[in-house]
PDB file of N, CA and C in Angstrom:
ATOM      1  N   UNK A   1      16.154 -17.936  22.696  1.00  0.00           N
ATOM      2  CA  UNK A   1      15.229 -17.667  23.784  1.00  0.00           C
ATOM      3  C   UNK A   1      16.044 -17.358  25.034  1.00  0.00           C
ATOM      4  N   UNK A   2      15.676 -16.313  25.777  1.00  0.00           N
ATOM      5  CA  UNK A   2      16.412 -15.954  26.984  1.00  0.00           C
ATOM      6  C   UNK A   2      16.064 -16.914  28.112  1.00  0.00           C
ATOM      7  N   UNK A   3      16.865 -16.904  29.166  1.00  0.00           N
ATOM      8  CA  UNK A   3      16.749 -17.876  30.253  1.00  0.00           C
ATOM      9  C   UNK A   3      15.377 -17.834  30.932  1.00  0.00           C
ATOM     10  N   UNK A   4      14.806 -16.658  31.111  1.00  0.00           N
ATOM     11  CA  UNK A   4      13.541 -16.554  31.831  1.00  0.00           C
ATOM     12  C   UNK A   4      12.321 -16.413  30.935  1.00  0.00           C
ATOM     13  N   UNK A   5      12.477 -16.597  29.646  1.00  0.00           N
ATOM     14  CA  UNK A   5      11.359 -16.397  28.718  1.00  0.00           C
ATOM     15  C   UNK A   5      10.378 -17.559  28.809  1.00  0.00           C
ATOM     16  N   UNK A   6       9.109 -17.204  28.816  1.00  0.00           N
ATOM     17  CA  UNK A   6       8.043 -18.212  28.837  1.00  0.00           C
ATOM     18  C   UNK A   6       7.882 -18.772  27.425  1.00  0.00           C
ATOM     19  N   UNK A   7       8.071 -20.092  27.253  1.00  0.00           N
ATOM     20  CA  UNK A   7       7.972 -20.670  25.906  1.00  0.00           C
ATOM     21  C   UNK A   7       6.612 -20.423  25.243  1.00  0.00           C
ATOM     22  N   UNK A   8       5.549 -20.426  26.009  1.00  0.00           N
ATOM     23  CA  UNK A   8       4.221 -20.178  25.430  1.00  0.00           C
ATOM     24  C   UNK A   8       4.122 -18.752  24.907  1.00  0.00           C
ATOM     25  N   UNK A   9       4.683 -17.791  25.650  1.00  0.00           N
ATOM     26  CA  UNK A   9       4.654 -16.387  25.217  1.00  0.00           C
ATOM     27  C   UNK A   9       5.507 -16.201  23.969  1.00  0.00           C
ATOM     28  N   UNK A  10       6.638 -16.877  23.920  1.00  0.00           N
ATOM     29  CA  UNK A  10       7.511 -16.782  22.747  1.00  0.00           C
ATOM     30  C   UNK A  10       6.808 -17.367  21.531  1.00  0.00           C
ATOM     31  N   UNK A  11       6.159 -18.511  21.699  1.00  0.00           N
ATOM     32  CA  UNK A  11       5.417 -19.129  20.597  1.00  0.00           C
ATOM     33  C   UNK A  11       4.274 -18.238  20.117  1.00  0.00           C
ATOM     34  N   UNK A  12       3.573 -17.600  21.054  1.00  0.00           N
ATOM     35  CA  UNK A  12       2.472 -16.689  20.685  1.00  0.00           C
ATOM     36  C   UNK A  12       3.004 -15.493  19.898  1.00  0.00           C
ATOM     37  N   UNK A  13       4.112 -14.945  20.356  1.00  0.00           N
ATOM     38  CA  UNK A  13       4.720 -13.805  19.657  1.00  0.00           C
ATOM     39  C   UNK A  13       5.137 -14.213  18.239  1.00  0.00           C
ATOM     40  N   UNK A  14       5.732 -15.383  18.115  1.00  0.00           N
ATOM     41  CA  UNK A  14       6.154 -15.876  16.803  1.00  0.00           C
ATOM     42  C   UNK A  14       4.956 -16.112  15.892  1.00  0.00           C
ATOM     43  N   UNK A  15       3.886 -16.626  16.455  1.00  0.00           N
ATOM     44  CA  UNK A  15       2.661 -16.865  15.681  1.00  0.00           C
ATOM     45  C   UNK A  15       2.083 -15.550  15.155  1.00  0.00           C
ATOM     46  N   UNK A  16       2.061 -14.530  16.014  1.00  0.00           N
ATOM     47  CA  UNK A  16       1.551 -13.223  15.568  1.00  0.00           C
ATOM     48  C   UNK A  16       2.458 -12.615  14.505  1.00  0.00           C
ATOM     49  N   UNK A  17       3.771 -12.776  14.657  1.00  0.00           N
ATOM     50  CA  UNK A  17       4.712 -12.266  13.654  1.00  0.00           C
ATOM     51  C   UNK A  17       4.512 -12.978  12.313  1.00  0.00           C
ATOM     52  N   UNK A  18       4.276 -14.279  12.362  1.00  0.00           N
ATOM     53  CA  UNK A  18       4.021 -15.032  11.124  1.00  0.00           C
ATOM     54  C   UNK A  18       2.734 -14.572  10.449  1.00  0.00           C
ATOM     55  N   UNK A  19       1.690 -14.331  11.245  1.00  0.00           N
ATOM     56  CA  UNK A  19       0.424 -13.847  10.665  1.00  0.00           C
ATOM     57  C   UNK A  19       0.611 -12.467  10.049  1.00  0.00           C
ATOM     58  N   UNK A  20       1.393 -11.621  10.694  1.00  0.00           N
ATOM     59  CA  UNK A  20       1.665 -10.298  10.129  1.00  0.00           C
ATOM     60  C   UNK A  20       2.430 -10.420   8.820  1.00  0.00           C
ATOM     61  N   UNK A  21       3.438 -11.281   8.783  1.00  0.00           N
ATOM     62  CA  UNK A  21       4.209 -11.473   7.554  1.00  0.00           C
ATOM     63  C   UNK A  21       3.317 -11.934   6.415  1.00  0.00           C
ATOM     64  N   UNK A  22       2.434 -12.888   6.693  1.00  0.00           N
ATOM     65  CA  UNK A  22       1.517 -13.368   5.648  1.00  0.00           C
ATOM     66  C   UNK A  22       0.566 -12.265   5.205  1.00  0.00           C
ATOM     67  N   UNK A  23       0.075 -11.476   6.132  1.00  0.00           N
ATOM     68  CA  UNK A  23      -0.821 -10.363   5.796  1.00  0.00           C
ATOM     69  C   UNK A  23      -0.119  -9.368   4.877  1.00  0.00           C
ATOM     70  N   UNK A  24       1.100  -9.015   5.212  1.00  0.00           N
ATOM     71  CA  UNK A  24       1.860  -8.051   4.404  1.00  0.00           C
ATOM     72  C   UNK A  24       2.168  -8.647   3.033  1.00  0.00           C
ATOM     73  N   UNK A  25       2.539  -9.927   2.997  1.00  0.00           N
ATOM     74  CA  UNK A  25       2.830 -10.571   1.707  1.00  0.00           C
ATOM     75  C   UNK A  25       1.603 -10.591   0.801  1.00  0.00           C
ATOM     76  N   UNK A  26       0.453 -10.903   1.363  1.00  0.00           N
ATOM     77  CA  UNK A  26      -0.786 -10.931   0.565  1.00  0.00           C
ATOM     78  C   UNK A  26      -1.150  -9.520   0.104  1.00  0.00           C
ATOM     79  N   UNK A  27      -1.041  -8.548   0.999  1.00  0.00           N
ATOM     80  CA  UNK A  27      -1.364  -7.165   0.623  1.00  0.00           C
ATOM     81  C   UNK A  27      -0.448  -6.692  -0.510  1.00  0.00           C
ATOM     82  N   UNK A  28       0.837  -7.014  -0.431  1.00  0.00           N
ATOM     83  CA  UNK A  28       1.776  -6.620  -1.493  1.00  0.00           C
ATOM     84  C   UNK A  28       1.423  -7.309  -2.808  1.00  0.00           C
ATOM     85  N   UNK A  29       1.056  -8.575  -2.737  1.00  0.00           N
ATOM     86  CA  UNK A  29       0.681  -9.301  -3.958  1.00  0.00           C
ATOM     87  C   UNK A  29      -0.576  -8.707  -4.577  1.00  0.00           C
ATOM     88  N   UNK A  30      -1.544  -8.348  -3.754  1.00  0.00           N
ATOM     89  CA  UNK A  30      -2.781  -7.742  -4.269  1.00  0.00           C
ATOM     90  C   UNK A  30      -2.467  -6.407  -4.938  1.00  0.00           C
ATOM     91  N   UNK A  31      -1.605  -5.622  -4.323  1.00  0.00           N
ATOM     92  CA  UNK A  31      -1.246  -4.325  -4.914  1.00  0.00           C
ATOM     93  C   UNK A  31      -0.538  -4.497  -6.249  1.00  0.00           C
ATOM     94  N   UNK A  32       0.325  -5.487  -6.333  1.00  0.00           N
ATOM     95  CA  UNK A  32       1.087  -5.697  -7.567  1.00  0.00           C
ATOM     96  C   UNK A  32       0.243  -6.291  -8.684  1.00  0.00           C
ATOM     97  N   UNK A  33      -0.722  -7.113  -8.353  1.00  0.00           N
ATOM     98  CA  UNK A  33      -1.445  -7.874  -9.367  1.00  0.00           C
ATOM     99  C   UNK A  33      -2.899  -7.477  -9.532  1.00  0.00           C
ATOM    100  N   UNK A  34      -3.410  -6.635  -8.654  1.00  0.00           N
ATOM    101  CA  UNK A  34      -4.838  -6.362  -8.637  1.00  0.00           C
ATOM    102  C   UNK A  34      -5.341  -5.309  -9.596  1.00  0.00           C
ATOM    103  N   UNK A  35      -4.431  -4.583 -10.250  1.00  0.00           N
ATOM    104  CA  UNK A  35      -4.845  -3.486 -11.143  1.00  0.00           C
ATOM    105  C   UNK A  35      -5.842  -2.561 -10.439  1.00  0.00           C
ATOM    106  N   UNK A  36      -5.456  -2.109  -9.271  1.00  0.00           N
ATOM    107  CA  UNK A  36      -6.322  -1.292  -8.434  1.00  0.00           C
ATOM    108  C   UNK A  36      -6.116   0.189  -8.722  1.00  0.00           C
ATOM    109  N   UNK A  37      -7.139   0.957  -8.409  1.00  0.00           N
ATOM    110  CA  UNK A  37      -6.979   2.404  -8.437  1.00  0.00           C
ATOM    111  C   UNK A  37      -6.143   2.804  -7.224  1.00  0.00           C
ATOM    112  N   UNK A  38      -5.697   4.033  -7.210  1.00  0.00           N
ATOM    113  CA  UNK A  38      -4.883   4.501  -6.077  1.00  0.00           C
ATOM    114  C   UNK A  38      -5.678   4.420  -4.775  1.00  0.00           C
ATOM    115  N   UNK A  39      -6.931   4.820  -4.802  1.00  0.00           N
ATOM    116  CA  UNK A  39      -7.721   4.793  -3.565  1.00  0.00           C
ATOM    117  C   UNK A  39      -7.968   3.361  -3.097  1.00  0.00           C
ATOM    118  N   UNK A  40      -8.163   2.435  -4.033  1.00  0.00           N
ATOM    119  CA  UNK A  40      -8.322   1.029  -3.653  1.00  0.00           C
ATOM    120  C   UNK A  40      -7.027   0.485  -3.062  1.00  0.00           C
ATOM    121  N   UNK A  41      -5.903   0.849  -3.657  1.00  0.00           N
ATOM    122  CA  UNK A  41      -4.606   0.422  -3.133  1.00  0.00           C
ATOM    123  C   UNK A  41      -4.350   0.966  -1.738  1.00  0.00           C
ATOM    124  N   UNK A  42      -4.685   2.219  -1.529  1.00  0.00           N
ATOM    125  CA  UNK A  42      -4.517   2.819  -0.208  1.00  0.00           C
ATOM    126  C   UNK A  42      -5.428   2.152   0.817  1.00  0.00           C
ATOM    127  N   UNK A  43      -6.605   1.710   0.389  1.00  0.00           N
ATOM    128  CA  UNK A  43      -7.510   0.990   1.286  1.00  0.00           C
ATOM    129  C   UNK A  43      -6.910  -0.360   1.689  1.00  0.00           C
ATOM    130  N   UNK A  44      -6.244  -1.024   0.761  1.00  0.00           N
ATOM    131  CA  UNK A  44      -5.575  -2.298   1.080  1.00  0.00           C
ATOM    132  C   UNK A  44      -4.491  -2.063   2.125  1.00  0.00           C
ATOM    133  N   UNK A  45      -3.708  -1.007   1.953  1.00  0.00           N
ATOM    134  CA  UNK A  45      -2.648  -0.686   2.906  1.00  0.00           C
ATOM    135  C   UNK A  45      -3.257  -0.347   4.274  1.00  0.00           C
ATOM    136  N   UNK A  46      -4.348   0.395   4.274  1.00  0.00           N
ATOM    137  CA  UNK A  46      -4.992   0.750   5.542  1.00  0.00           C
ATOM    138  C   UNK A  46      -5.493  -0.494   6.271  1.00  0.00           C
ATOM    139  N   UNK A  47      -6.036  -1.447   5.538  1.00  0.00           N
ATOM    140  CA  UNK A  47      -6.488  -2.695   6.161  1.00  0.00           C
ATOM    141  C   UNK A  47      -5.309  -3.497   6.707  1.00  0.00           C
ATOM    142  N   UNK A  48      -4.210  -3.518   5.969  1.00  0.00           N
ATOM    143  CA  UNK A  48      -3.017  -4.222   6.450  1.00  0.00           C
ATOM    144  C   UNK A  48      -2.503  -3.572   7.734  1.00  0.00           C
ATOM    145  N   UNK A  49      -2.512  -2.246   7.770  1.00  0.00           N
ATOM    146  CA  UNK A  49      -2.062  -1.531   8.975  1.00  0.00           C
ATOM    147  C   UNK A  49      -2.995  -1.818  10.144  1.00  0.00           C
ATOM    148  N   UNK A  50      -4.281  -1.803   9.881  1.00  0.00           N
ATOM    149  CA  UNK A  50      -5.263  -2.105  10.926  1.00  0.00           C
ATOM    150  C   UNK A  50      -5.041  -3.510  11.494  1.00  0.00           C
ATOM    151  N   UNK A  51      -4.802  -4.473  10.609  1.00  0.00           N
ATOM    152  CA  UNK A  51      -4.561  -5.846  11.062  1.00  0.00           C
ATOM    153  C   UNK A  51      -3.253  -5.933  11.855  1.00  0.00           C
ATOM    154  N   UNK A  52      -2.226  -5.218  11.392  1.00  0.00           N
ATOM    155  CA  UNK A  52      -0.951  -5.212  12.111  1.00  0.00           C
ATOM    156  C   UNK A  52      -1.131  -4.660  13.525  1.00  0.00           C
ATOM    157  N   UNK A  53      -1.926  -3.604  13.646  1.00  0.00           N
ATOM    158  CA  UNK A  53      -2.148  -3.015  14.967  1.00  0.00           C
ATOM    159  C   UNK A  53      -3.019  -3.901  15.855  1.00  0.00           C
ATOM    160  N   UNK A  54      -3.871  -4.726  15.246  1.00  0.00           N
ATOM    161  CA  UNK A  54      -4.641  -5.663  16.071  1.00  0.00           C
ATOM    162  C   UNK A  54      -3.738  -6.787  16.589  1.00  0.00           C
ATOM    163  N   UNK A  55      -2.707  -7.137  15.810  1.00  0.00           N
ATOM    164  CA  UNK A  55      -1.761  -8.159  16.259  1.00  0.00           C
ATOM    165  C   UNK A  55      -0.737  -7.589  17.245  1.00  0.00           C
ATOM    166  N   UNK A  56      -0.313  -6.362  17.014  1.00  0.00           N
ATOM    167  CA  UNK A  56       0.694  -5.712  17.853  1.00  0.00           C
ATOM    168  C   UNK A  56       0.211  -4.315  18.239  1.00  0.00           C
ATOM    169  N   UNK A  57      -0.689  -4.229  19.221  1.00  0.00           N
ATOM    170  CA  UNK A  57      -1.234  -2.921  19.627  1.00  0.00           C
ATOM    171  C   UNK A  57      -0.129  -1.951  20.060  1.00  0.00           C
ATOM    172  N   UNK A  58      -0.301  -0.701  19.665  1.00  0.00           N
ATOM    173  CA  UNK A  58       0.651   0.330  20.052  1.00  0.00           C
ATOM    174  C   UNK A  58       1.924   0.358  19.224  1.00  0.00           C
ATOM    175  N   UNK A  59       1.997  -0.417  18.171  1.00  0.00           N
ATOM    176  CA  UNK A  59       3.211  -0.472  17.357  1.00  0.00           C
ATOM    177  C   UNK A  59       3.020   0.191  15.993  1.00  0.00           C
ATOM    178  N   UNK A  60       2.126   1.161  15.916  1.00  0.00           N
ATOM    179  CA  UNK A  60       1.897   1.866  14.659  1.00  0.00           C
ATOM    180  C   UNK A  60       3.134   2.580  14.155  1.00  0.00           C
ATOM    181  N   UNK A  61       3.954   3.083  15.076  1.00  0.00           N
ATOM    182  CA  UNK A  61       5.176   3.765  14.659  1.00  0.00           C
ATOM    183  C   UNK A  61       6.148   2.803  13.982  1.00  0.00           C
ATOM    184  N   UNK A  62       6.178   1.555  14.428  1.00  0.00           N
ATOM    185  CA  UNK A  62       7.040   0.554  13.800  1.00  0.00           C
ATOM    186  C   UNK A  62       6.520   0.234  12.395  1.00  0.00           C
ATOM    187  N   UNK A  63       5.204   0.102  12.259  1.00  0.00           N
ATOM    188  CA  UNK A  63       4.611  -0.125  10.936  1.00  0.00           C
ATOM    189  C   UNK A  63       4.987   1.020  10.005  1.00  0.00           C
ATOM    190  N   UNK A  64       4.825   2.252  10.486  1.00  0.00           N
ATOM    191  CA  UNK A  64       5.120   3.422   9.661  1.00  0.00           C
ATOM    192  C   UNK A  64       6.596   3.503   9.276  1.00  0.00           C
ATOM    193  N   UNK A  65       7.470   3.050  10.149  1.00  0.00           N
ATOM    194  CA  UNK A  65       8.903   3.109   9.889  1.00  0.00           C
ATOM    195  C   UNK A  65       9.378   1.984   8.977  1.00  0.00           C
ATOM    196  N   UNK A  66       8.848   0.769   9.180  1.00  0.00           N
ATOM    197  CA  UNK A  66       9.355  -0.403   8.476  1.00  0.00           C
ATOM    198  C   UNK A  66       8.545  -0.749   7.237  1.00  0.00           C
ATOM    199  N   UNK A  67       7.225  -0.807   7.363  1.00  0.00           N
ATOM    200  CA  UNK A  67       6.387  -1.311   6.274  1.00  0.00           C
ATOM    201  C   UNK A  67       5.811  -0.225   5.376  1.00  0.00           C
ATOM    202  N   UNK A  68       5.531   0.942   5.906  1.00  0.00           N
ATOM    203  CA  UNK A  68       4.920   2.000   5.095  1.00  0.00           C
ATOM    204  C   UNK A  68       5.773   2.375   3.880  1.00  0.00           C
ATOM    205  N   UNK A  69       7.108   2.494   3.998  1.00  0.00           N
ATOM    206  CA  UNK A  69       7.898   2.803   2.796  1.00  0.00           C
ATOM    207  C   UNK A  69       7.798   1.711   1.726  1.00  0.00           C
ATOM    208  N   UNK A  70       7.733   0.471   2.156  1.00  0.00           N
ATOM    209  CA  UNK A  70       7.586  -0.635   1.203  1.00  0.00           C
ATOM    210  C   UNK A  70       6.255  -0.518   0.466  1.00  0.00           C
ATOM    211  N   UNK A  71       5.182  -0.280   1.219  1.00  0.00           N
ATOM    212  CA  UNK A  71       3.877  -0.114   0.591  1.00  0.00           C
ATOM    213  C   UNK A  71       3.844   1.110  -0.315  1.00  0.00           C
ATOM    214  N   UNK A  72       4.499   2.187   0.092  1.00  0.00           N
ATOM    215  CA  UNK A  72       4.512   3.410  -0.723  1.00  0.00           C
ATOM    216  C   UNK A  72       5.191   3.160  -2.069  1.00  0.00           C
ATOM    217  N   UNK A  73       6.301   2.425  -2.067  1.00  0.00           N
ATOM    218  CA  UNK A  73       6.987   2.115  -3.327  1.00  0.00           C
ATOM    219  C   UNK A  73       6.095   1.290  -4.247  1.00  0.00           C
ATOM    220  N   UNK A  74       5.418   0.312  -3.673  1.00  0.00           N
ATOM    221  CA  UNK A  74       4.546  -0.543  -4.480  1.00  0.00           C
ATOM    222  C   UNK A  74       3.363   0.257  -5.005  1.00  0.00           C
ATOM    223  N   UNK A  75       2.772   1.097  -4.162  1.00  0.00           N
ATOM    224  CA  UNK A  75       1.654   1.936  -4.616  1.00  0.00           C
ATOM    225  C   UNK A  75       2.093   2.848  -5.755  1.00  0.00           C
ATOM    226  N   UNK A  76       3.257   3.466  -5.624  1.00  0.00           N
ATOM    227  CA  UNK A  76       3.727   4.372  -6.666  1.00  0.00           C
ATOM    228  C   UNK A  76       3.961   3.645  -7.990  1.00  0.00           C
ATOM    229  N   UNK A  77       4.409   2.391  -7.905  1.00  0.00           N
ATOM    230  CA  UNK A  77       4.696   1.652  -9.127  1.00  0.00           C
ATOM    231  C   UNK A  77       3.452   1.046  -9.766  1.00  0.00           C
ATOM    232  N   UNK A  78       2.573   0.470  -8.951  1.00  0.00           N
ATOM    233  CA  UNK A  78       1.456  -0.294  -9.501  1.00  0.00           C
ATOM    234  C   UNK A  78       0.102   0.400  -9.388  1.00  0.00           C
ATOM    235  N   UNK A  79      -0.018   1.409  -8.548  1.00  0.00           N
ATOM    236  CA  UNK A  79      -1.280   2.146  -8.393  1.00  0.00           C
ATOM    237  C   UNK A  79      -0.984   3.641  -8.417  1.00  0.00           C
ATOM    238  N   UNK A  80      -0.471   4.143  -9.533  1.00  0.00           N
ATOM    239  CA  UNK A  80      -0.090   5.553  -9.558  1.00  0.00           C
ATOM    240  C   UNK A  80      -1.305   6.462  -9.400  1.00  0.00           C
ATOM    241  N   UNK A  81      -1.074   7.658  -8.876  1.00  0.00           N
ATOM    242  CA  UNK A  81      -2.179   8.601  -8.757  1.00  0.00           C
ATOM    243  C   UNK A  81      -2.692   8.963 -10.142  1.00  0.00           C
ATOM    244  N   UNK A  82      -3.978   9.252 -10.232  1.00  0.00           N
ATOM    245  CA  UNK A  82      -4.524   9.602 -11.552  1.00  0.00           C
ATOM    246  C   UNK A  82      -3.903  10.889 -12.066  1.00  0.00           C
ATOM    247  N   UNK A  83      -3.662  10.898 -13.364  1.00  0.00           N
ATOM    248  CA  UNK A  83      -3.122  12.095 -13.996  1.00  0.00           C
ATOM    249  C   UNK A  83      -4.272  13.042 -14.314  1.00  0.00           C
ATOM    250  N   UNK A  84      -3.954  14.304 -14.321  1.00  0.00           N
ATOM    251  CA  UNK A  84      -4.963  15.292 -14.694  1.00  0.00           C
ATOM    252  C   UNK A  84      -5.289  15.109 -16.169  1.00  0.00           C
ATOM    253  N   UNK A  85      -6.549  15.080 -16.465  1.00  0.00           N
ATOM    254  CA  UNK A  85      -6.952  14.943 -17.868  1.00  0.00           C
ATOM    255  C   UNK A  85      -6.917  16.305 -18.537  1.00  0.00           C
ATOM    256  N   UNK A  86      -6.246  16.352 -19.636  1.00  0.00           N
ATOM    257  CA  UNK A  86      -6.170  17.584 -20.417  1.00  0.00           C
ATOM    258  C   UNK A  86      -6.905  17.324 -21.715  1.00  0.00           C
ATOM    259  N   UNK A  87      -7.889  18.158 -21.965  1.00  0.00           N
ATOM    260  CA  UNK A  87      -8.663  18.006 -23.195  1.00  0.00           C
ATOM    261  C   UNK A  87      -7.859  18.538 -24.372  1.00  0.00           C
ATOM    262  N   UNK A  88      -7.986  17.881 -25.484  1.00  0.00           N
ATOM    263  CA  UNK A  88      -7.294  18.331 -26.680  1.00  0.00           C
ATOM    264  C   UNK A  88      -7.885  19.662 -27.121  1.00  0.00           C
ATOM    265  N   UNK A  89      -7.023  20.526 -27.549  1.00  0.00           N
ATOM    266  CA  UNK A  89      -7.437  21.822 -28.043  1.00  0.00           C
ATOM    267  C   UNK A  89      -7.760  21.678 -29.521  1.00  0.00           C
ATOM    268  N   UNK A  90      -8.969  21.985 -29.867  1.00  0.00           N
ATOM    269  CA  UNK A  90      -9.383  21.883 -31.266  1.00  0.00           C
ATOM    270  C   UNK A  90      -9.356  23.267 -31.887  1.00  0.00           C
ATOM    271  N   UNK A  91      -8.655  23.351 -32.999  1.00  0.00           N
ATOM    272  CA  UNK A  91      -8.550  24.618 -33.716  1.00  0.00           C
ATOM    273  C   UNK A  91      -9.769  24.741 -34.624  1.00  0.00           C
ATOM    274  N   UNK A  92     -10.516  25.843 -34.503  1.00  0.00           N
ATOM    275  CA  UNK A  92     -11.658  26.039 -35.400  1.00  0.00           C
ATOM    276  C   UNK A  92     -11.195  26.092 -36.857  1.00  0.00           C
ATOM    277  N   UNK A  93     -12.037  25.669 -37.759  1.00  0.00           N
ATOM    278  CA  UNK A  93     -11.702  25.563 -39.183  1.00  0.00           C
ATOM    279  C   UNK A  93     -11.230  26.904 -39.746  1.00  0.00           C
ATOM    280  N   UNK A  94     -11.854  27.994 -39.381  1.00  0.00           N
ATOM    281  CA  UNK A  94     -11.475  29.281 -39.948  1.00  0.00           C
ATOM    282  C   UNK A  94     -10.171  29.828 -39.371  1.00  0.00           C
ATOM    283  N   UNK A  95      -9.684  29.316 -38.262  1.00  0.00           N
ATOM    284  CA  UNK A  95      -8.459  29.808 -37.654  1.00  0.00           C
ATOM    285  C   UNK A  95      -7.230  29.055 -38.161  1.00  0.00           C
ATOM    286  N   UNK A  96      -7.409  28.091 -39.040  1.00  0.00           N
ATOM    287  CA  UNK A  96      -6.268  27.352 -39.564  1.00  0.00           C
ATOM    288  C   UNK A  96      -5.459  28.249 -40.485  1.00  0.00           C
ATOM    289  N   UNK A  97      -4.224  27.836 -40.731  1.00  0.00           N
ATOM    290  CA  UNK A  97      -3.348  28.617 -41.596  1.00  0.00           C
ATOM    291  C   UNK A  97      -3.953  28.790 -42.986  1.00  0.00           C
ATOM    292  N   UNK A  98      -3.728  29.914 -43.506  1.00  0.00           N
ATOM    293  CA  UNK A  98      -4.179  30.195 -44.868  1.00  0.00           C
ATOM    294  C   UNK A  98      -5.621  30.680 -44.921  1.00  0.00           C
ATOM    295  N   UNK A  99      -6.337  30.634 -43.831  1.00  0.00           N
ATOM    296  CA  UNK A  99      -7.716  31.118 -43.830  1.00  0.00           C
ATOM    297  C   UNK A  99      -7.725  32.591 -43.473  1.00  0.00           C
ATOM    298  N   UNK A 100      -8.578  33.353 -44.103  1.00  0.00           N
ATOM    299  CA  UNK A 100      -8.612  34.802 -43.813  1.00  0.00           C
ATOM    300  C   UNK A 100      -9.226  35.110 -42.494  1.00  0.00           C
TER     301      UNK A 100
END
């Protein structure tokens, strides 16, 4: 703590940092264990970002720099984007080999 720092302000800042850490930890756990779709996972990240900005207004750039890459890695691993569905190609009976 610096010489002129207000102990109450320092404690408040630490309390908000602790709440942010718990929020991020819970969001990461939900992403890893929740078996969510990609859109549900992105909604969890958006809520975590919203909560972070309510605790630290104007610090969205810090969230994007520090926490967004962590969330992106977890989303890519546990909530991958849906793959394009490709229907199986069925060969008509008369087009099979040996058929005239």
